[in-house]
């Protein structure tokens, strides 16, 4: 007897099957993308917190070398408070304490928040705003905010009528210029305080 060879034709995907596979892939991608986005945002937030902590240490090292006095810097270097007498950027004041490499004109990478998409780093030399209320003040004494008004002294100068004191644990040194970090239901800032701890803006331990 002759053996007849049966040839089995390979059956490919039908159009319907292909569309079903594509739809399943799309559903899986839509489920994974938010998780990946949250993971990326969390990683960038962690990097920002780490950088602010290092900048807090850099500020303390600066104070140790300058009779325990804090730096004097502009809050917004592109628009100095006194244009005729501008002071340095905080990134320039702390450059030797913040990993700046000699011969490099740009700011230390520590001053660039990975979530800064508003180009503060490019415009101001830092993604983090310096608390100018501390300019030249002694470190570890906290912050004293004076409110003026009410009466005149010394032939015309205003005398402070109220003072608000913050301890070091509640005195910010540097904080994000803008709400860079997504924290549903809204974005927020990170801040390093005078006692070197870092947290979300408005939250103290």
C-alpha atoms as a PDB file:
ATOM      1  CA  UNK A   1       0.000   0.000   0.000  1.00  0.00           C
ATOM      2  CA  UNK A   2       1.093   3.435  -0.763  1.00  0.00           C
ATOM      3  CA  UNK A   3       1.437   5.719   2.142  1.00  0.00           C
ATOM      4  CA  UNK A   4      -0.161   9.012   1.441  1.00  0.00           C
ATOM      5  CA  UNK A   5       1.546  11.978   2.991  1.00  0.00           C
ATOM      6  CA  UNK A   6      -0.768  14.422   4.510  1.00  0.00           C
ATOM      7  CA  UNK A   7       0.403  17.961   4.436  1.00  0.00           C
ATOM      8  CA  UNK A   8      -1.012  20.075   7.194  1.00  0.00           C
ATOM      9  CA  UNK A   9      -1.168  23.701   6.273  1.00  0.00           C
ATOM     10  CA  UNK A  10      -0.057  26.149   8.970  1.00  0.00           C
ATOM     11  CA  UNK A  11      -2.890  28.345   9.993  1.00  0.00           C
ATOM     12  CA  UNK A  12      -1.940  31.995  10.666  1.00  0.00           C
ATOM     13  CA  UNK A  13      -3.680  34.531  12.898  1.00  0.00           C
ATOM     14  CA  UNK A  14      -6.986  35.674  11.617  1.00  0.00           C
ATOM     15  CA  UNK A  15      -7.716  39.386  11.579  1.00  0.00           C
ATOM     16  CA  UNK A  16     -10.093  39.013  14.542  1.00  0.00           C
ATOM     17  CA  UNK A  17      -7.474  37.190  16.610  1.00  0.00           C
ATOM     18  CA  UNK A  18      -4.869  39.820  15.785  1.00  0.00           C
ATOM     19  CA  UNK A  19      -7.219  42.615  16.846  1.00  0.00           C
ATOM     20  CA  UNK A  20      -7.967  40.806  20.112  1.00  0.00           C
ATOM     21  CA  UNK A  21      -4.238  40.485  20.869  1.00  0.00           C
ATOM     22  CA  UNK A  22      -3.675  44.174  20.106  1.00  0.00           C
ATOM     23  CA  UNK A  23      -6.609  45.109  22.347  1.00  0.00           C
ATOM     24  CA  UNK A  24      -5.221  43.010  25.218  1.00  0.00           C
ATOM     25  CA  UNK A  25      -1.793  44.610  24.837  1.00  0.00           C
ATOM     26  CA  UNK A  26      -3.422  48.049  24.866  1.00  0.00           C
ATOM     27  CA  UNK A  27      -5.332  47.262  28.065  1.00  0.00           C
ATOM     28  CA  UNK A  28      -2.191  45.957  29.782  1.00  0.00           C
ATOM     29  CA  UNK A  29      -0.238  49.043  28.711  1.00  0.00           C
ATOM     30  CA  UNK A  30      -2.949  51.361  30.024  1.00  0.00           C
ATOM     31  CA  UNK A  31      -2.782  49.542  33.350  1.00  0.00           C
ATOM     32  CA  UNK A  32       1.020  49.665  33.555  1.00  0.00           C
ATOM     33  CA  UNK A  33       1.666  53.254  32.416  1.00  0.00           C
ATOM     34  CA  UNK A  34       0.178  54.981  35.511  1.00  0.00           C
ATOM     35  CA  UNK A  35       2.219  52.695  37.767  1.00  0.00           C
ATOM     36  CA  UNK A  36       5.381  53.435  35.775  1.00  0.00           C
ATOM     37  CA  UNK A  37       4.591  57.158  35.886  1.00  0.00           C
ATOM     38  CA  UNK A  38       4.138  57.042  39.662  1.00  0.00           C
ATOM     39  CA  UNK A  39       7.394  55.121  40.035  1.00  0.00           C
ATOM     40  CA  UNK A  40       9.241  57.690  37.924  1.00  0.00           C
ATOM     41  CA  UNK A  41       7.747  60.591  39.921  1.00  0.00           C
ATOM     42  CA  UNK A  42       8.692  58.856  43.182  1.00  0.00           C
ATOM     43  CA  UNK A  43      12.278  58.336  41.997  1.00  0.00           C
ATOM     44  CA  UNK A  44      12.608  62.002  41.000  1.00  0.00           C
ATOM     45  CA  UNK A  45      11.142  63.113  44.324  1.00  0.00           C
ATOM     46  CA  UNK A  46      13.661  60.914  46.153  1.00  0.00           C
ATOM     47  CA  UNK A  47      16.500  62.466  44.132  1.00  0.00           C
ATOM     48  CA  UNK A  48      15.254  65.973  44.969  1.00  0.00           C
ATOM     49  CA  UNK A  49      15.046  65.153  48.690  1.00  0.00           C
ATOM     50  CA  UNK A  50      18.586  63.749  48.603  1.00  0.00           C
ATOM     51  CA  UNK A  51      19.932  66.854  46.856  1.00  0.00           C
ATOM     52  CA  UNK A  52      18.250  69.223  49.293  1.00  0.00           C
ATOM     53  CA  UNK A  53      19.702  67.260  52.207  1.00  0.00           C
ATOM     54  CA  UNK A  54      23.188  67.636  50.712  1.00  0.00           C
ATOM     55  CA  UNK A  55      22.597  71.346  50.141  1.00  0.00           C
ATOM     56  CA  UNK A  56      21.555  71.680  53.781  1.00  0.00           C
ATOM     57  CA  UNK A  57      24.875  70.114  54.764  1.00  0.00           C
ATOM     58  CA  UNK A  58      26.697  72.422  52.325  1.00  0.00           C
ATOM     59  CA  UNK A  59      25.019  75.433  53.953  1.00  0.00           C
ATOM     60  CA  UNK A  60      26.143  74.251  57.379  1.00  0.00           C
ATOM     61  CA  UNK A  61      29.721  73.797  56.139  1.00  0.00           C
ATOM     62  CA  UNK A  62      29.630  77.340  54.747  1.00  0.00           C
ATOM     63  CA  UNK A  63      28.422  78.680  58.093  1.00  0.00           C
ATOM     64  CA  UNK A  64      31.163  76.770  59.936  1.00  0.00           C
ATOM     65  CA  UNK A  65      33.747  78.560  57.777  1.00  0.00           C
ATOM     66  CA  UNK A  66      32.116  81.990  58.177  1.00  0.00           C
ATOM     67  CA  UNK A  67      31.719  82.557  61.914  1.00  0.00           C
ATOM     68  CA  UNK A  68      28.484  80.542  61.943  1.00  0.00           C
ATOM     69  CA  UNK A  69      26.805  83.066  59.627  1.00  0.00           C
ATOM     70  CA  UNK A  70      24.490  81.931  56.849  1.00  0.00           C
ATOM     71  CA  UNK A  71      25.023  82.956  53.204  1.00  0.00           C
ATOM     72  CA  UNK A  72      23.773  86.177  51.657  1.00  0.00           C
ATOM     73  CA  UNK A  73      22.090  85.489  48.315  1.00  0.00           C
ATOM     74  CA  UNK A  74      19.251  86.626  46.061  1.00  0.00           C
ATOM     75  CA  UNK A  75      15.846  84.953  46.155  1.00  0.00           C
ATOM     76  CA  UNK A  76      15.401  85.487  42.392  1.00  0.00           C
ATOM     77  CA  UNK A  77      18.779  86.328  40.820  1.00  0.00           C
ATOM     78  CA  UNK A  78      17.244  87.191  37.433  1.00  0.00           C
ATOM     79  CA  UNK A  79      15.296  89.951  39.223  1.00  0.00           C
ATOM     80  CA  UNK A  80      17.506  91.128  42.116  1.00  0.00           C
ATOM     81  CA  UNK A  81      15.869  92.972  44.994  1.00  0.00           C
ATOM     82  CA  UNK A  82      18.257  95.918  44.523  1.00  0.00           C
ATOM     83  CA  UNK A  83      19.244  95.935  40.815  1.00  0.00           C
ATOM     84  CA  UNK A  84      21.945  98.529  41.448  1.00  0.00           C
ATOM     85  CA  UNK A  85      23.497  96.306  44.141  1.00  0.00           C
ATOM     86  CA  UNK A  86      22.752  92.659  43.289  1.00  0.00           C
ATOM     87  CA  UNK A  87      24.218  89.915  45.451  1.00  0.00           C
ATOM     88  CA  UNK A  88      25.377  86.452  44.413  1.00  0.00           C
ATOM     89  CA  UNK A  89      23.210  83.462  43.522  1.00  0.00           C
ATOM     90  CA  UNK A  90      23.012  80.806  46.229  1.00  0.00           C
ATOM     91  CA  UNK A  91      24.521  78.328  43.758  1.00  0.00           C
ATOM     92  CA  UNK A  92      27.569  80.611  43.462  1.00  0.00           C
ATOM     93  CA  UNK A  93      27.896  81.165  47.211  1.00  0.00           C
ATOM     94  CA  UNK A  94      27.778  77.429  47.980  1.00  0.00           C
ATOM     95  CA  UNK A  95      29.547  76.174  44.870  1.00  0.00           C
ATOM     96  CA  UNK A  96      32.711  75.006  46.669  1.00  0.00           C
ATOM     97  CA  UNK A  97      30.615  73.154  49.257  1.00  0.00           C
ATOM     98  CA  UNK A  98      28.202  71.545  46.792  1.00  0.00           C
ATOM     99  CA  UNK A  99      30.411  69.434  44.560  1.00  0.00           C
ATOM    100  CA  UNK A 100      31.194  72.159  42.019  1.00  0.00           C
ATOM    101  CA  UNK A 101      34.120  71.252  39.786  1.00  0.00           C
ATOM    102  CA  UNK A 102      36.791  73.906  39.225  1.00  0.00           C
ATOM    103  CA  UNK A 103      36.748  75.321  35.727  1.00  0.00           C
ATOM    104  CA  UNK A 104      33.060  74.569  35.194  1.00  0.00           C
ATOM    105  CA  UNK A 105      30.987  77.701  34.677  1.00  0.00           C
ATOM    106  CA  UNK A 106      27.613  76.082  35.312  1.00  0.00           C
ATOM    107  CA  UNK A 107      26.039  75.425  38.708  1.00  0.00           C
ATOM    108  CA  UNK A 108      26.543  72.190  40.595  1.00  0.00           C
ATOM    109  CA  UNK A 109      24.095  69.444  39.506  1.00  0.00           C
ATOM    110  CA  UNK A 110      22.865  69.382  43.116  1.00  0.00           C
ATOM    111  CA  UNK A 111      20.979  72.598  42.395  1.00  0.00           C
ATOM    112  CA  UNK A 112      18.926  71.065  39.557  1.00  0.00           C
ATOM    113  CA  UNK A 113      15.704  69.389  40.658  1.00  0.00           C
ATOM    114  CA  UNK A 114      14.992  66.485  38.255  1.00  0.00           C
ATOM    115  CA  UNK A 115      11.367  67.697  38.011  1.00  0.00           C
ATOM    116  CA  UNK A 116      12.272  71.290  37.117  1.00  0.00           C
ATOM    117  CA  UNK A 117      10.598  71.772  33.728  1.00  0.00           C
ATOM    118  CA  UNK A 118      10.113  75.506  34.187  1.00  0.00           C
ATOM    119  CA  UNK A 119      13.828  76.145  33.562  1.00  0.00           C
ATOM    120  CA  UNK A 120      14.488  77.809  36.921  1.00  0.00           C
ATOM    121  CA  UNK A 121      17.900  76.121  36.953  1.00  0.00           C
ATOM    122  CA  UNK A 122      18.831  77.728  33.647  1.00  0.00           C
ATOM    123  CA  UNK A 123      17.478  81.173  34.621  1.00  0.00           C
ATOM    124  CA  UNK A 124      18.445  81.328  38.308  1.00  0.00           C
ATOM    125  CA  UNK A 125      21.291  78.824  38.579  1.00  0.00           C
ATOM    126  CA  UNK A 126      19.173  76.730  40.931  1.00  0.00           C
ATOM    127  CA  UNK A 127      15.823  74.949  41.083  1.00  0.00           C
ATOM    128  CA  UNK A 128      15.737  75.824  44.783  1.00  0.00           C
ATOM    129  CA  UNK A 129      14.927  79.246  46.256  1.00  0.00           C
ATOM    130  CA  UNK A 130      17.066  80.572  49.092  1.00  0.00           C
ATOM    131  CA  UNK A 131      15.250  81.947  52.150  1.00  0.00           C
ATOM    132  CA  UNK A 132      16.526  85.534  52.065  1.00  0.00           C
ATOM    133  CA  UNK A 133      15.087  86.232  55.524  1.00  0.00           C
ATOM    134  CA  UNK A 134      18.169  84.346  56.753  1.00  0.00           C
ATOM    135  CA  UNK A 135      20.742  86.415  54.859  1.00  0.00           C
ATOM    136  CA  UNK A 136      23.779  86.821  57.104  1.00  0.00           C
ATOM    137  CA  UNK A 137      21.983  85.446  60.167  1.00  0.00           C
ATOM    138  CA  UNK A 138      23.555  83.025  62.618  1.00  0.00           C
ATOM    139  CA  UNK A 139      22.800  79.383  61.957  1.00  0.00           C
ATOM    140  CA  UNK A 140      20.749  77.347  64.447  1.00  0.00           C
ATOM    141  CA  UNK A 141      18.984  80.409  65.867  1.00  0.00           C
ATOM    142  CA  UNK A 142      15.894  79.916  63.726  1.00  0.00           C
ATOM    143  CA  UNK A 143      14.048  82.647  61.868  1.00  0.00           C
ATOM    144  CA  UNK A 144      12.559  85.893  63.174  1.00  0.00           C
ATOM    145  CA  UNK A 145      10.006  87.642  60.975  1.00  0.00           C
ATOM    146  CA  UNK A 146       9.382  91.277  61.868  1.00  0.00           C
ATOM    147  CA  UNK A 147       6.149  93.058  60.986  1.00  0.00           C
ATOM    148  CA  UNK A 148       6.472  96.811  60.738  1.00  0.00           C
ATOM    149  CA  UNK A 149       3.892  99.504  61.316  1.00  0.00           C
ATOM    150  CA  UNK A 150       2.064 101.287  64.052  1.00  0.00           C
ATOM    151  CA  UNK A 151       4.564 103.934  65.149  1.00  0.00           C
ATOM    152  CA  UNK A 152       7.538 105.938  63.974  1.00  0.00           C
ATOM    153  CA  UNK A 153      10.830 106.186  65.851  1.00  0.00           C
ATOM    154  CA  UNK A 154      14.105 108.049  65.399  1.00  0.00           C
ATOM    155  CA  UNK A 155      12.522 110.825  63.417  1.00  0.00           C
ATOM    156  CA  UNK A 156      10.668 108.738  60.890  1.00  0.00           C
ATOM    157  CA  UNK A 157      11.740 105.053  60.765  1.00  0.00           C
ATOM    158  CA  UNK A 158       9.131 102.366  61.326  1.00  0.00           C
ATOM    159  CA  UNK A 159       9.456 100.227  64.439  1.00  0.00           C
ATOM    160  CA  UNK A 160       8.524  96.533  64.391  1.00  0.00           C
ATOM    161  CA  UNK A 161       5.221  96.042  66.138  1.00  0.00           C
ATOM    162  CA  UNK A 162       5.244  92.243  66.005  1.00  0.00           C
ATOM    163  CA  UNK A 163       7.806  89.448  65.642  1.00  0.00           C
ATOM    164  CA  UNK A 164       7.171  85.835  64.644  1.00  0.00           C
ATOM    165  CA  UNK A 165       9.900  83.419  65.738  1.00  0.00           C
ATOM    166  CA  UNK A 166      10.465  80.008  64.139  1.00  0.00           C
ATOM    167  CA  UNK A 167      12.767  77.399  65.712  1.00  0.00           C
ATOM    168  CA  UNK A 168      15.401  75.721  63.469  1.00  0.00           C
ATOM    169  CA  UNK A 169      13.105  72.719  62.902  1.00  0.00           C
ATOM    170  CA  UNK A 170      10.576  75.067  61.253  1.00  0.00           C
ATOM    171  CA  UNK A 171      12.993  77.425  59.500  1.00  0.00           C
ATOM    172  CA  UNK A 172      13.403  76.679  55.765  1.00  0.00           C
ATOM    173  CA  UNK A 173      16.782  77.136  54.113  1.00  0.00           C
ATOM    174  CA  UNK A 174      15.998  76.141  50.522  1.00  0.00           C
ATOM    175  CA  UNK A 175      12.841  74.951  48.791  1.00  0.00           C
ATOM    176  CA  UNK A 176      11.606  74.217  45.273  1.00  0.00           C
ATOM    177  CA  UNK A 177      10.841  77.359  43.310  1.00  0.00           C
ATOM    178  CA  UNK A 178       7.578  75.794  42.132  1.00  0.00           C
ATOM    179  CA  UNK A 179       5.336  72.818  42.903  1.00  0.00           C
ATOM    180  CA  UNK A 180       7.458  70.396  40.880  1.00  0.00           C
ATOM    181  CA  UNK A 181       6.346  67.136  42.486  1.00  0.00           C
ATOM    182  CA  UNK A 182       2.984  65.479  41.725  1.00  0.00           C
ATOM    183  CA  UNK A 183       1.207  64.573  44.941  1.00  0.00           C
ATOM    184  CA  UNK A 184      -2.454  63.911  44.192  1.00  0.00           C
ATOM    185  CA  UNK A 185      -4.726  65.771  44.356  1.00  0.00           C
ATOM    186  CA  UNK A 186      -2.132  68.494  43.645  1.00  0.00           C
ATOM    187  CA  UNK A 187       1.594  68.984  43.216  1.00  0.00           C
ATOM    188  CA  UNK A 188       3.912  70.190  45.968  1.00  0.00           C
ATOM    189  CA  UNK A 189       7.372  71.365  46.971  1.00  0.00           C
ATOM    190  CA  UNK A 190      10.239  69.914  48.966  1.00  0.00           C
ATOM    191  CA  UNK A 191      12.137  71.953  51.556  1.00  0.00           C
ATOM    192  CA  UNK A 192      15.301  71.545  53.636  1.00  0.00           C
ATOM    193  CA  UNK A 193      15.103  73.088  57.099  1.00  0.00           C
ATOM    194  CA  UNK A 194      17.805  74.634  59.265  1.00  0.00           C
ATOM    195  CA  UNK A 195      18.144  71.452  61.320  1.00  0.00           C
ATOM    196  CA  UNK A 196      18.959  69.588  58.043  1.00  0.00           C
ATOM    197  CA  UNK A 197      15.763  67.518  57.754  1.00  0.00           C
ATOM    198  CA  UNK A 198      13.922  67.512  54.428  1.00  0.00           C
ATOM    199  CA  UNK A 199      10.198  67.093  53.918  1.00  0.00           C
ATOM    200  CA  UNK A 200       7.261  68.255  51.820  1.00  0.00           C
ATOM    201  CA  UNK A 201       6.647  72.003  52.138  1.00  0.00           C
ATOM    202  CA  UNK A 202       4.306  72.871  54.962  1.00  0.00           C
ATOM    203  CA  UNK A 203       4.962  69.621  56.842  1.00  0.00           C
ATOM    204  CA  UNK A 204       7.256  69.628  59.884  1.00  0.00           C
ATOM    205  CA  UNK A 205       8.155  66.839  62.227  1.00  0.00           C
END
